[in-house]
Amino acid sequence: MSITSEDVRGIRFPEAPFGTRGYSEMQVDAFLDRVAATLDGEDNVTPTEVHNVVFNLSPLGRRGGYDQAEVDTFLRAVETTLAARTGTTPTGPYIAPALEHTHARRFPWPPWRR
């Protein structure tokens, strides 16, 4: 499936689930504006830039921000579209930042012991 600039401009991401931090809405929207401009031939975002983009997370204790998994899934489709347009292949395997290294995290239990 090929992504168009209209798809990029029209995408609406859900809010991050309760108890999780979402991506900064302003940063995601600004990056997607550049992606839409690239698809219209007015900017030059590369598949590698899409693959490596990093967004700040919403502040702790505050609801808001875009669901990381939804944004990451959409960006993989954007990366594939841009790679097809340039005749390249997507940059290596993708590991969603939201899931990266979750197996290595240690949660203190009980929480008051640190």
PDB file of N, CA and C in Angstrom:
ATOM      1  N   MET A   1       0.833  -1.176   0.000  1.00  0.00           N
ATOM      2  CA  MET A   1       0.000   0.000   0.000  1.00  0.00           C
ATOM      3  C   MET A   1       0.879   1.241   0.000  1.00  0.00           C
ATOM      4  N   SER A   2       0.621   2.135  -0.890  1.00  0.00           N
ATOM      5  CA  SER A   2       1.385   3.362  -1.004  1.00  0.00           C
ATOM      6  C   SER A   2       0.683   4.486  -0.240  1.00  0.00           C
ATOM      7  N   ILE A   3       1.454   5.240   0.507  1.00  0.00           N
ATOM      8  CA  ILE A   3       0.934   6.356   1.300  1.00  0.00           C
ATOM      9  C   ILE A   3       1.001   7.628   0.457  1.00  0.00           C
ATOM     10  N   THR A   4      -0.056   8.427   0.470  1.00  0.00           N
ATOM     11  CA  THR A   4      -0.074   9.696  -0.256  1.00  0.00           C
ATOM     12  C   THR A   4       0.026  10.858   0.735  1.00  0.00           C
ATOM     13  N   SER A   5       0.277  12.048   0.205  1.00  0.00           N
ATOM     14  CA  SER A   5       0.341  13.226   1.075  1.00  0.00           C
ATOM     15  C   SER A   5      -1.012  13.474   1.750  1.00  0.00           C
ATOM     16  N   GLU A   6      -2.106  13.136   1.075  1.00  0.00           N
ATOM     17  CA  GLU A   6      -3.433  13.288   1.677  1.00  0.00           C
ATOM     18  C   GLU A   6      -3.599  12.333   2.854  1.00  0.00           C
ATOM     19  N   ASP A   7      -3.062  11.113   2.719  1.00  0.00           N
ATOM     20  CA  ASP A   7      -3.099  10.158   3.830  1.00  0.00           C
ATOM     21  C   ASP A   7      -2.351  10.716   5.036  1.00  0.00           C
ATOM     22  N   VAL A   8      -1.194  11.299   4.771  1.00  0.00           N
ATOM     23  CA  VAL A   8      -0.366  11.833   5.856  1.00  0.00           C
ATOM     24  C   VAL A   8      -1.078  13.002   6.529  1.00  0.00           C
ATOM     25  N   ARG A   9      -1.630  13.897   5.737  1.00  0.00           N
ATOM     26  CA  ARG A   9      -2.316  15.066   6.313  1.00  0.00           C
ATOM     27  C   ARG A   9      -3.606  14.672   7.039  1.00  0.00           C
ATOM     28  N   GLY A  10      -4.220  13.584   6.626  1.00  0.00           N
ATOM     29  CA  GLY A  10      -5.498  13.178   7.205  1.00  0.00           C
ATOM     30  C   GLY A  10      -5.406  12.201   8.362  1.00  0.00           C
ATOM     31  N   ILE A  11      -4.216  11.702   8.654  1.00  0.00           N
ATOM     32  CA  ILE A  11      -4.085  10.693   9.709  1.00  0.00           C
ATOM     33  C   ILE A  11      -4.403  11.299  11.077  1.00  0.00           C
ATOM     34  N   ARG A  12      -5.138  10.558  11.879  1.00  0.00           N
ATOM     35  CA  ARG A  12      -5.449  10.964  13.251  1.00  0.00           C
ATOM     36  C   ARG A  12      -5.049   9.808  14.153  1.00  0.00           C
ATOM     37  N   PHE A  13      -4.122  10.071  15.046  1.00  0.00           N
ATOM     38  CA  PHE A  13      -3.652   9.033  15.954  1.00  0.00           C
ATOM     39  C   PHE A  13      -4.435   9.087  17.258  1.00  0.00           C
ATOM     40  N   PRO A  14      -4.691   7.925  17.841  1.00  0.00           N
ATOM     41  CA  PRO A  14      -5.362   7.921  19.143  1.00  0.00           C
ATOM     42  C   PRO A  14      -4.404   8.394  20.237  1.00  0.00           C
ATOM     43  N   GLU A  15      -4.990   8.815  21.337  1.00  0.00           N
ATOM     44  CA  GLU A  15      -4.196   9.219  22.489  1.00  0.00           C
ATOM     45  C   GLU A  15      -3.549   7.973  23.093  1.00  0.00           C
ATOM     46  N   ALA A  16      -2.402   8.163  23.718  1.00  0.00           N
ATOM     47  CA  ALA A  16      -1.704   7.045  24.354  1.00  0.00           C
ATOM     48  C   ALA A  16      -2.608   6.406  25.412  1.00  0.00           C
ATOM     49  N   PRO A  17      -2.534   5.088  25.560  1.00  0.00           N
ATOM     50  CA  PRO A  17      -3.358   4.414  26.565  1.00  0.00           C
ATOM     51  C   PRO A  17      -3.054   4.922  27.975  1.00  0.00           C
ATOM     52  N   PHE A  18      -4.034   4.811  28.837  1.00  0.00           N
ATOM     53  CA  PHE A  18      -3.874   5.230  30.225  1.00  0.00           C
ATOM     54  C   PHE A  18      -2.669   4.519  30.841  1.00  0.00           C
ATOM     55  N   GLY A  19      -1.850   5.278  31.534  1.00  0.00           N
ATOM     56  CA  GLY A  19      -0.680   4.707  32.198  1.00  0.00           C
ATOM     57  C   GLY A  19       0.563   4.668  31.336  1.00  0.00           C
ATOM     58  N   THR A  20       0.472   5.119  30.090  1.00  0.00           N
ATOM     59  CA  THR A  20       1.644   5.145  29.214  1.00  0.00           C
ATOM     60  C   THR A  20       1.888   6.569  28.737  1.00  0.00           C
ATOM     61  N   ARG A  21       3.087   6.814  28.300  1.00  0.00           N
ATOM     62  CA  ARG A  21       3.450   8.129  27.776  1.00  0.00           C
ATOM     63  C   ARG A  21       3.414   8.079  26.257  1.00  0.00           C
ATOM     64  N   GLY A  22       2.804   9.077  25.664  1.00  0.00           N
ATOM     65  CA  GLY A  22       2.711   9.136  24.212  1.00  0.00           C
ATOM     66  C   GLY A  22       3.783  10.028  23.625  1.00  0.00           C
ATOM     67  N   TYR A  23       3.910   9.974  22.307  1.00  0.00           N
ATOM     68  CA  TYR A  23       4.836  10.852  21.592  1.00  0.00           C
ATOM     69  C   TYR A  23       4.307  12.283  21.600  1.00  0.00           C
ATOM     70  N   SER A  24       5.218  13.232  21.619  1.00  0.00           N
ATOM     71  CA  SER A  24       4.868  14.647  21.545  1.00  0.00           C
ATOM     72  C   SER A  24       4.051  14.910  20.285  1.00  0.00           C
ATOM     73  N   GLU A  25       2.850  15.408  20.466  1.00  0.00           N
ATOM     74  CA  GLU A  25       1.970  15.659  19.329  1.00  0.00           C
ATOM     75  C   GLU A  25       2.553  16.716  18.399  1.00  0.00           C
ATOM     76  N   MET A  26       3.148  17.763  18.966  1.00  0.00           N
ATOM     77  CA  MET A  26       3.721  18.825  18.130  1.00  0.00           C
ATOM     78  C   MET A  26       4.861  18.301  17.269  1.00  0.00           C
ATOM     79  N   GLN A  27       5.730  17.462  17.842  1.00  0.00           N
ATOM     80  CA  GLN A  27       6.862  16.935  17.083  1.00  0.00           C
ATOM     81  C   GLN A  27       6.404  15.981  15.991  1.00  0.00           C
ATOM     82  N   VAL A  28       5.465  15.111  16.313  1.00  0.00           N
ATOM     83  CA  VAL A  28       4.951  14.169  15.311  1.00  0.00           C
ATOM     84  C   VAL A  28       4.282  14.938  14.175  1.00  0.00           C
ATOM     85  N   ASP A  29       3.442  15.907  14.517  1.00  0.00           N
ATOM     86  CA  ASP A  29       2.742  16.683  13.487  1.00  0.00           C
ATOM     87  C   ASP A  29       3.721  17.449  12.600  1.00  0.00           C
ATOM     88  N   ALA A  30       4.753  18.041  13.204  1.00  0.00           N
ATOM     89  CA  ALA A  30       5.743  18.794  12.419  1.00  0.00           C
ATOM     90  C   ALA A  30       6.493  17.864  11.467  1.00  0.00           C
ATOM     91  N   PHE A  31       6.860  16.676  11.947  1.00  0.00           N
ATOM     92  CA  PHE A  31       7.565  15.727  11.089  1.00  0.00           C
ATOM     93  C   PHE A  31       6.661  15.255   9.952  1.00  0.00           C
ATOM     94  N   LEU A  32       5.406  14.979  10.267  1.00  0.00           N
ATOM     95  CA  LEU A  32       4.481  14.522   9.224  1.00  0.00           C
ATOM     96  C   LEU A  32       4.193  15.614   8.202  1.00  0.00           C
ATOM     97  N   ASP A  33       4.254  16.888   8.611  1.00  0.00           N
ATOM     98  CA  ASP A  33       4.132  17.984   7.639  1.00  0.00           C
ATOM     99  C   ASP A  33       5.271  17.912   6.628  1.00  0.00           C
ATOM    100  N   ARG A  34       6.477  17.626   7.112  1.00  0.00           N
ATOM    101  CA  ARG A  34       7.629  17.481   6.212  1.00  0.00           C
ATOM    102  C   ARG A  34       7.459  16.275   5.298  1.00  0.00           C
ATOM    103  N   VAL A  35       6.942  15.176   5.854  1.00  0.00           N
ATOM    104  CA  VAL A  35       6.719  13.967   5.047  1.00  0.00           C
ATOM    105  C   VAL A  35       5.704  14.259   3.943  1.00  0.00           C
ATOM    106  N   ALA A  36       4.607  14.932   4.288  1.00  0.00           N
ATOM    107  CA  ALA A  36       3.588  15.271   3.281  1.00  0.00           C
ATOM    108  C   ALA A  36       4.190  16.161   2.199  1.00  0.00           C
ATOM    109  N   ALA A  37       5.014  17.125   2.614  1.00  0.00           N
ATOM    110  CA  ALA A  37       5.671  18.001   1.636  1.00  0.00           C
ATOM    111  C   ALA A  37       6.603  17.196   0.731  1.00  0.00           C
ATOM    112  N   THR A  38       7.276  16.208   1.293  1.00  0.00           N
ATOM    113  CA  THR A  38       8.155  15.346   0.496  1.00  0.00           C
ATOM    114  C   THR A  38       7.344  14.577  -0.542  1.00  0.00           C
ATOM    115  N   LEU A  39       6.217  14.046  -0.137  1.00  0.00           N
ATOM    116  CA  LEU A  39       5.374  13.297  -1.073  1.00  0.00           C
ATOM    117  C   LEU A  39       4.793  14.198  -2.160  1.00  0.00           C
ATOM    118  N   ASP A  40       4.711  15.504  -1.874  1.00  0.00           N
ATOM    119  CA  ASP A  40       4.271  16.481  -2.880  1.00  0.00           C
ATOM    120  C   ASP A  40       5.437  17.045  -3.681  1.00  0.00           C
ATOM    121  N   GLY A  41       6.664  16.597  -3.380  1.00  0.00           N
ATOM    122  CA  GLY A  41       7.845  17.065  -4.098  1.00  0.00           C
ATOM    123  C   GLY A  41       8.399  18.386  -3.606  1.00  0.00           C
ATOM    124  N   GLU A  42       8.032  18.800  -2.397  1.00  0.00           N
ATOM    125  CA  GLU A  42       8.455  20.096  -1.870  1.00  0.00           C
ATOM    126  C   GLU A  42       9.483  19.999  -0.749  1.00  0.00           C
ATOM    127  N   ASP A  43       9.845  18.813  -0.328  1.00  0.00           N
ATOM    128  CA  ASP A  43      10.843  18.604   0.732  1.00  0.00           C
ATOM    129  C   ASP A  43      11.602  17.337   0.372  1.00  0.00           C
ATOM    130  N   ASN A  44      12.546  16.956   1.195  1.00  0.00           N
ATOM    131  CA  ASN A  44      13.368  15.800   0.863  1.00  0.00           C
ATOM    132  C   ASN A  44      13.625  14.922   2.086  1.00  0.00           C
ATOM    133  N   VAL A  45      12.568  14.426   2.721  1.00  0.00           N
ATOM    134  CA  VAL A  45      12.712  13.490   3.828  1.00  0.00           C
ATOM    135  C   VAL A  45      13.062  12.134   3.230  1.00  0.00           C
ATOM    136  N   THR A  46      14.099  11.507   3.760  1.00  0.00           N
ATOM    137  CA  THR A  46      14.547  10.215   3.244  1.00  0.00           C
ATOM    138  C   THR A  46      13.949   9.068   4.057  1.00  0.00           C
ATOM    139  N   PRO A  47      13.937   7.860   3.490  1.00  0.00           N
ATOM    140  CA  PRO A  47      13.483   6.704   4.265  1.00  0.00           C
ATOM    141  C   PRO A  47      14.324   6.506   5.533  1.00  0.00           C
ATOM    142  N   THR A  48      15.612   6.816   5.447  1.00  0.00           N
ATOM    143  CA  THR A  48      16.482   6.679   6.614  1.00  0.00           C
ATOM    144  C   THR A  48      16.074   7.650   7.716  1.00  0.00           C
ATOM    145  N   GLU A  49      15.711   8.876   7.346  1.00  0.00           N
ATOM    146  CA  GLU A  49      15.234   9.840   8.346  1.00  0.00           C
ATOM    147  C   GLU A  49      13.970   9.335   9.032  1.00  0.00           C
ATOM    148  N   VAL A  50      13.068   8.772   8.251  1.00  0.00           N
ATOM    149  CA  VAL A  50      11.832   8.238   8.828  1.00  0.00           C
ATOM    150  C   VAL A  50      12.166   7.089   9.770  1.00  0.00           C
ATOM    151  N   HIS A  51      13.071   6.226   9.355  1.00  0.00           N
ATOM    152  CA  HIS A  51      13.450   5.074  10.173  1.00  0.00           C
ATOM    153  C   HIS A  51      14.077   5.500  11.496  1.00  0.00           C
ATOM    154  N   ASN A  52      14.868   6.572  11.468  1.00  0.00           N
ATOM    155  CA  ASN A  52      15.635   6.981  12.648  1.00  0.00           C
ATOM    156  C   ASN A  52      15.004   8.100  13.465  1.00  0.00           C
ATOM    157  N   VAL A  53      13.838   8.588  13.076  1.00  0.00           N
ATOM    158  CA  VAL A  53      13.242   9.715  13.792  1.00  0.00           C
ATOM    159  C   VAL A  53      12.941   9.332  15.248  1.00  0.00           C
ATOM    160  N   VAL A  54      13.161  10.296  16.140  1.00  0.00           N
ATOM    161  CA  VAL A  54      12.912  10.100  17.571  1.00  0.00           C
ATOM    162  C   VAL A  54      12.057  11.268  18.048  1.00  0.00           C
ATOM    163  N   PHE A  55      11.028  10.962  18.813  1.00  0.00           N
ATOM    164  CA  PHE A  55      10.152  11.989  19.365  1.00  0.00           C
ATOM    165  C   PHE A  55      10.248  11.974  20.884  1.00  0.00           C
ATOM    166  N   ASN A  56      10.114  13.144  21.484  1.00  0.00           N
ATOM    167  CA  ASN A  56      10.038  13.220  22.942  1.00  0.00           C
ATOM    168  C   ASN A  56       8.733  12.596  23.398  1.00  0.00           C
ATOM    169  N   LEU A  57       8.726  12.146  24.644  1.00  0.00           N
ATOM    170  CA  LEU A  57       7.512  11.587  25.226  1.00  0.00           C
ATOM    171  C   LEU A  57       6.790  12.666  26.022  1.00  0.00           C
ATOM    172  N   SER A  58       5.488  12.511  26.151  1.00  0.00           N
ATOM    173  CA  SER A  58       4.711  13.462  26.943  1.00  0.00           C
ATOM    174  C   SER A  58       5.188  13.399  28.395  1.00  0.00           C
ATOM    175  N   PRO A  59       5.031  14.494  29.141  1.00  0.00           N
ATOM    176  CA  PRO A  59       5.506  14.525  30.527  1.00  0.00           C
ATOM    177  C   PRO A  59       4.837  13.461  31.388  1.00  0.00           C
ATOM    178  N   LEU A  60       5.577  12.977  32.378  1.00  0.00           N
ATOM    179  CA  LEU A  60       5.030  11.996  33.317  1.00  0.00           C
ATOM    180  C   LEU A  60       3.858  12.597  34.074  1.00  0.00           C
ATOM    181  N   GLY A  61       2.891  11.772  34.362  1.00  0.00           N
ATOM    182  CA  GLY A  61       1.753  12.211  35.141  1.00  0.00           C
ATOM    183  C   GLY A  61       0.747  13.043  34.371  1.00  0.00           C
ATOM    184  N   ARG A  62       0.933  13.142  33.092  1.00  0.00           N
ATOM    185  CA  ARG A  62       0.032  13.940  32.266  1.00  0.00           C
ATOM    186  C   ARG A  62      -0.481  13.088  31.119  1.00  0.00           C
ATOM    187  N   ARG A  63      -1.779  13.071  30.945  1.00  0.00           N
ATOM    188  CA  ARG A  63      -2.337  12.350  29.801  1.00  0.00           C
ATOM    189  C   ARG A  63      -2.000  13.111  28.540  1.00  0.00           C
ATOM    190  N   GLY A  64      -1.956  12.413  27.473  1.00  0.00           N
ATOM    191  CA  GLY A  64      -1.722  13.087  26.210  1.00  0.00           C
ATOM    192  C   GLY A  64      -0.619  12.427  25.428  1.00  0.00           C
ATOM    193  N   GLY A  65      -0.415  12.944  24.283  1.00  0.00           N
ATOM    194  CA  GLY A  65       0.560  12.367  23.379  1.00  0.00           C
ATOM    195  C   GLY A  65      -0.089  11.289  22.545  1.00  0.00           C
ATOM    196  N   TYR A  66       0.519  11.065  21.390  1.00  0.00           N
ATOM    197  CA  TYR A  66      -0.003  10.051  20.479  1.00  0.00           C
ATOM    198  C   TYR A  66       0.462   8.665  20.897  1.00  0.00           C
ATOM    199  N   ASP A  67      -0.390   7.692  20.673  1.00  0.00           N
ATOM    200  CA  ASP A  67      -0.068   6.292  20.939  1.00  0.00           C
ATOM    201  C   ASP A  67       1.178   5.916  20.136  1.00  0.00           C
ATOM    202  N   GLN A  68       2.218   5.501  20.835  1.00  0.00           N
ATOM    203  CA  GLN A  68       3.499   5.211  20.187  1.00  0.00           C
ATOM    204  C   GLN A  68       3.380   4.112  19.141  1.00  0.00           C
ATOM    205  N   ALA A  69       2.656   3.061  19.453  1.00  0.00           N
ATOM    206  CA  ALA A  69       2.545   1.934  18.521  1.00  0.00           C
ATOM    207  C   ALA A  69       1.847   2.350  17.225  1.00  0.00           C
ATOM    208  N   GLU A  70       0.818   3.188  17.334  1.00  0.00           N
ATOM    209  CA  GLU A  70       0.097   3.646  16.141  1.00  0.00           C
ATOM    210  C   GLU A  70       0.987   4.518  15.260  1.00  0.00           C
ATOM    211  N   VAL A  71       1.740   5.429  15.890  1.00  0.00           N
ATOM    212  CA  VAL A  71       2.644   6.301  15.132  1.00  0.00           C
ATOM    213  C   VAL A  71       3.725   5.463  14.466  1.00  0.00           C
ATOM    214  N   ASP A  72       4.323   4.535  15.218  1.00  0.00           N
ATOM    215  CA  ASP A  72       5.395   3.699  14.674  1.00  0.00           C
ATOM    216  C   ASP A  72       4.912   2.868  13.489  1.00  0.00           C
ATOM    217  N   THR A  73       3.720   2.318  13.587  1.00  0.00           N
ATOM    218  CA  THR A  73       3.166   1.517  12.492  1.00  0.00           C
ATOM    219  C   THR A  73       2.981   2.369  11.238  1.00  0.00           C
ATOM    220  N   PHE A  74       2.440   3.569  11.411  1.00  0.00           N
ATOM    221  CA  PHE A  74       2.240   4.455  10.266  1.00  0.00           C
ATOM    222  C   PHE A  74       3.580   4.861   9.661  1.00  0.00           C
ATOM    223  N   LEU A  75       4.562   5.160  10.503  1.00  0.00           N
ATOM    224  CA  LEU A  75       5.871   5.567   9.986  1.00  0.00           C
ATOM    225  C   LEU A  75       6.550   4.446   9.212  1.00  0.00           C
ATOM    226  N   ARG A  76       6.316   3.179   9.570  1.00  0.00           N
ATOM    227  CA  ARG A  76       6.886   2.074   8.799  1.00  0.00           C
ATOM    228  C   ARG A  76       6.289   2.062   7.398  1.00  0.00           C
ATOM    229  N   ALA A  77       4.996   2.332   7.287  1.00  0.00           N
ATOM    230  CA  ALA A  77       4.366   2.392   5.960  1.00  0.00           C
ATOM    231  C   ALA A  77       4.916   3.569   5.159  1.00  0.00           C
ATOM    232  N   VAL A  78       5.135   4.698   5.834  1.00  0.00           N
ATOM    233  CA  VAL A  78       5.722   5.871   5.168  1.00  0.00           C
ATOM    234  C   VAL A  78       7.131   5.545   4.689  1.00  0.00           C
ATOM    235  N   GLU A  79       7.913   4.894   5.537  1.00  0.00           N
ATOM    236  CA  GLU A  79       9.287   4.524   5.165  1.00  0.00           C
ATOM    237  C   GLU A  79       9.291   3.626   3.930  1.00  0.00           C
ATOM    238  N   THR A  80       8.403   2.650   3.901  1.00  0.00           N
ATOM    239  CA  THR A  80       8.307   1.738   2.764  1.00  0.00           C
ATOM    240  C   THR A  80       7.920   2.490   1.492  1.00  0.00           C
ATOM    241  N   THR A  81       6.976   3.423   1.609  1.00  0.00           N
ATOM    242  CA  THR A  81       6.553   4.223   0.454  1.00  0.00           C
ATOM    243  C   THR A  81       7.703   5.062  -0.084  1.00  0.00           C
ATOM    244  N   LEU A  82       8.414   5.748   0.812  1.00  0.00           N
ATOM    245  CA  LEU A  82       9.533   6.588   0.373  1.00  0.00           C
ATOM    246  C   LEU A  82      10.657   5.741  -0.226  1.00  0.00           C
ATOM    247  N   ALA A  83      10.898   4.567   0.358  1.00  0.00           N
ATOM    248  CA  ALA A  83      11.937   3.684  -0.180  1.00  0.00           C
ATOM    249  C   ALA A  83      11.566   3.217  -1.588  1.00  0.00           C
ATOM    250  N   ALA A  84      10.301   2.899  -1.805  1.00  0.00           N
ATOM    251  CA  ALA A  84       9.855   2.466  -3.135  1.00  0.00           C
ATOM    252  C   ALA A  84       9.998   3.594  -4.156  1.00  0.00           C
ATOM    253  N   ARG A  85       9.740   4.815  -3.736  1.00  0.00           N
ATOM    254  CA  ARG A  85       9.862   5.961  -4.655  1.00  0.00           C
ATOM    255  C   ARG A  85      11.304   6.221  -5.050  1.00  0.00           C
ATOM    256  N   THR A  86      12.234   5.943  -4.137  1.00  0.00           N
ATOM    257  CA  THR A  86      13.645   6.207  -4.425  1.00  0.00           C
ATOM    258  C   THR A  86      14.366   4.977  -4.953  1.00  0.00           C
ATOM    259  N   GLY A  87      13.669   3.835  -4.994  1.00  0.00           N
ATOM    260  CA  GLY A  87      14.288   2.617  -5.499  1.00  0.00           C
ATOM    261  C   GLY A  87      15.240   1.966  -4.517  1.00  0.00           C
ATOM    262  N   THR A  88      15.080   2.270  -3.231  1.00  0.00           N
ATOM    263  CA  THR A  88      15.919   1.658  -2.201  1.00  0.00           C
ATOM    264  C   THR A  88      15.074   0.679  -1.401  1.00  0.00           C
ATOM    265  N   THR A  89      15.719  -0.011  -0.484  1.00  0.00           N
ATOM    266  CA  THR A  89      14.985  -0.896   0.412  1.00  0.00           C
ATOM    267  C   THR A  89      14.925  -0.246   1.784  1.00  0.00           C
ATOM    268  N   PRO A  90      13.884  -0.537   2.560  1.00  0.00           N
ATOM    269  CA  PRO A  90      13.811   0.031   3.906  1.00  0.00           C
ATOM    270  C   PRO A  90      15.058  -0.301   4.716  1.00  0.00           C
ATOM    271  N   THR A  91      15.400   0.605   5.613  1.00  0.00           N
ATOM    272  CA  THR A  91      16.625   0.496   6.394  1.00  0.00           C
ATOM    273  C   THR A  91      16.507  -0.567   7.469  1.00  0.00           C
ATOM    274  N   GLY A  92      17.014  -1.748   7.231  1.00  0.00           N
ATOM    275  CA  GLY A  92      17.118  -2.795   8.237  1.00  0.00           C
ATOM    276  C   GLY A  92      15.829  -3.112   8.974  1.00  0.00           C
ATOM    277  N   PRO A  93      15.936  -4.047   9.907  1.00  0.00           N
ATOM    278  CA  PRO A  93      14.755  -4.414  10.686  1.00  0.00           C
ATOM    279  C   PRO A  93      14.369  -3.286  11.629  1.00  0.00           C
ATOM    280  N   TYR A  94      13.096  -3.188  11.902  1.00  0.00           N
ATOM    281  CA  TYR A  94      12.596  -2.123  12.763  1.00  0.00           C
ATOM    282  C   TYR A  94      12.158  -2.700  14.096  1.00  0.00           C
ATOM    283  N   ILE A  95      12.613  -2.068  15.169  1.00  0.00           N
ATOM    284  CA  ILE A  95      12.159  -2.416  16.512  1.00  0.00           C
ATOM    285  C   ILE A  95      11.498  -1.167  17.067  1.00  0.00           C
ATOM    286  N   ALA A  96      10.234  -1.261  17.379  1.00  0.00           N
ATOM    287  CA  ALA A  96       9.510  -0.094  17.888  1.00  0.00           C
ATOM    288  C   ALA A  96      10.156   0.404  19.169  1.00  0.00           C
ATOM    289  N   PRO A  97      10.450   1.712  19.254  1.00  0.00           N
ATOM    290  CA  PRO A  97      11.036   2.262  20.473  1.00  0.00           C
ATOM    291  C   PRO A  97      10.201   1.957  21.700  1.00  0.00           C
ATOM    292  N   ALA A  98       8.898   1.894  21.539  1.00  0.00           N
ATOM    293  CA  ALA A  98       8.030   1.627  22.677  1.00  0.00           C
ATOM    294  C   ALA A  98       8.261   0.230  23.246  1.00  0.00           C
ATOM    295  N   LEU A  99       8.773  -0.676  22.436  1.00  0.00           N
ATOM    296  CA  LEU A  99       8.965  -2.054  22.873  1.00  0.00           C
ATOM    297  C   LEU A  99      10.428  -2.429  23.064  1.00  0.00           C
ATOM    298  N   GLU A 100      11.323  -1.572  22.629  1.00  0.00           N
ATOM    299  CA  GLU A 100      12.739  -1.867  22.646  1.00  0.00           C
ATOM    300  C   GLU A 100      13.231  -2.132  24.069  1.00  0.00           C
ATOM    301  N   HIS A 101      13.899  -3.214  24.262  1.00  0.00           N
ATOM    302  CA  HIS A 101      14.539  -3.584  25.521  1.00  0.00           C
ATOM    303  C   HIS A 101      13.570  -3.778  26.683  1.00  0.00           C
ATOM    304  N   THR A 102      12.304  -4.024  26.427  1.00  0.00           N
ATOM    305  CA  THR A 102      11.377  -4.220  27.538  1.00  0.00           C
ATOM    306  C   THR A 102      11.724  -5.473  28.327  1.00  0.00           C
ATOM    307  N   HIS A 103      12.357  -6.441  27.678  1.00  0.00           N
ATOM    308  CA  HIS A 103      12.723  -7.661  28.383  1.00  0.00           C
ATOM    309  C   HIS A 103      13.833  -7.415  29.403  1.00  0.00           C
ATOM    310  N   ALA A 104      14.588  -6.339  29.247  1.00  0.00           N
ATOM    311  CA  ALA A 104      15.712  -6.068  30.137  1.00  0.00           C
ATOM    312  C   ALA A 104      15.340  -5.147  31.293  1.00  0.00           C
ATOM    313  N   ARG A 105      14.154  -4.586  31.283  1.00  0.00           N
ATOM    314  CA  ARG A 105      13.760  -3.678  32.356  1.00  0.00           C
ATOM    315  C   ARG A 105      13.469  -4.452  33.622  1.00  0.00           C
ATOM    316  N   ARG A 106      13.887  -3.882  34.716  1.00  0.00           N
ATOM    317  CA  ARG A 106      13.591  -4.481  36.013  1.00  0.00           C
ATOM    318  C   ARG A 106      12.719  -3.499  36.781  1.00  0.00           C
ATOM    319  N   PHE A 107      11.610  -3.996  37.253  1.00  0.00           N
ATOM    320  CA  PHE A 107      10.715  -3.157  38.021  1.00  0.00           C
ATOM    321  C   PHE A 107      10.878  -3.523  39.493  1.00  0.00           C
ATOM    322  N   PRO A 108      11.179  -2.533  40.321  1.00  0.00           N
ATOM    323  CA  PRO A 108      11.365  -2.829  41.739  1.00  0.00           C
ATOM    324  C   PRO A 108      10.054  -3.292  42.368  1.00  0.00           C
ATOM    325  N   TRP A 109      10.170  -4.339  43.161  1.00  0.00           N
ATOM    326  CA  TRP A 109       8.997  -4.798  43.881  1.00  0.00           C
ATOM    327  C   TRP A 109       9.401  -5.142  45.278  1.00  0.00           C
ATOM    328  N   PRO A 110       8.784  -4.642  46.261  1.00  0.00           N
ATOM    329  CA  PRO A 110       7.715  -3.660  46.201  1.00  0.00           C
ATOM    330  C   PRO A 110       8.235  -2.309  45.739  1.00  0.00           C
ATOM    331  N   PRO A 111       7.352  -1.450  45.233  1.00  0.00           N
ATOM    332  CA  PRO A 111       7.781  -0.201  44.608  1.00  0.00           C
ATOM    333  C   PRO A 111       8.498   0.764  45.538  1.00  0.00           C
ATOM    334  N   TRP A 112       8.310   0.647  46.847  1.00  0.00           N
ATOM    335  CA  TRP A 112       8.978   1.577  47.758  1.00  0.00           C
ATOM    336  C   TRP A 112      10.417   1.164  48.033  1.00  0.00           C
ATOM    337  N   ARG A 113      10.824  -0.011  47.610  1.00  0.00           N
ATOM    338  CA  ARG A 113      12.214  -0.461  47.764  1.00  0.00           C
ATOM    339  C   ARG A 113      13.001  -0.096  46.530  1.00  0.00           C
ATOM    340  N   ARG A 114      14.059   0.631  46.729  1.00  0.00           N
ATOM    341  CA  ARG A 114      14.886   0.995  45.580  1.00  0.00           C
ATOM    342  C   ARG A 114      16.326   0.875  45.916  1.00  0.00           C
TER     343      ARG A 114
END
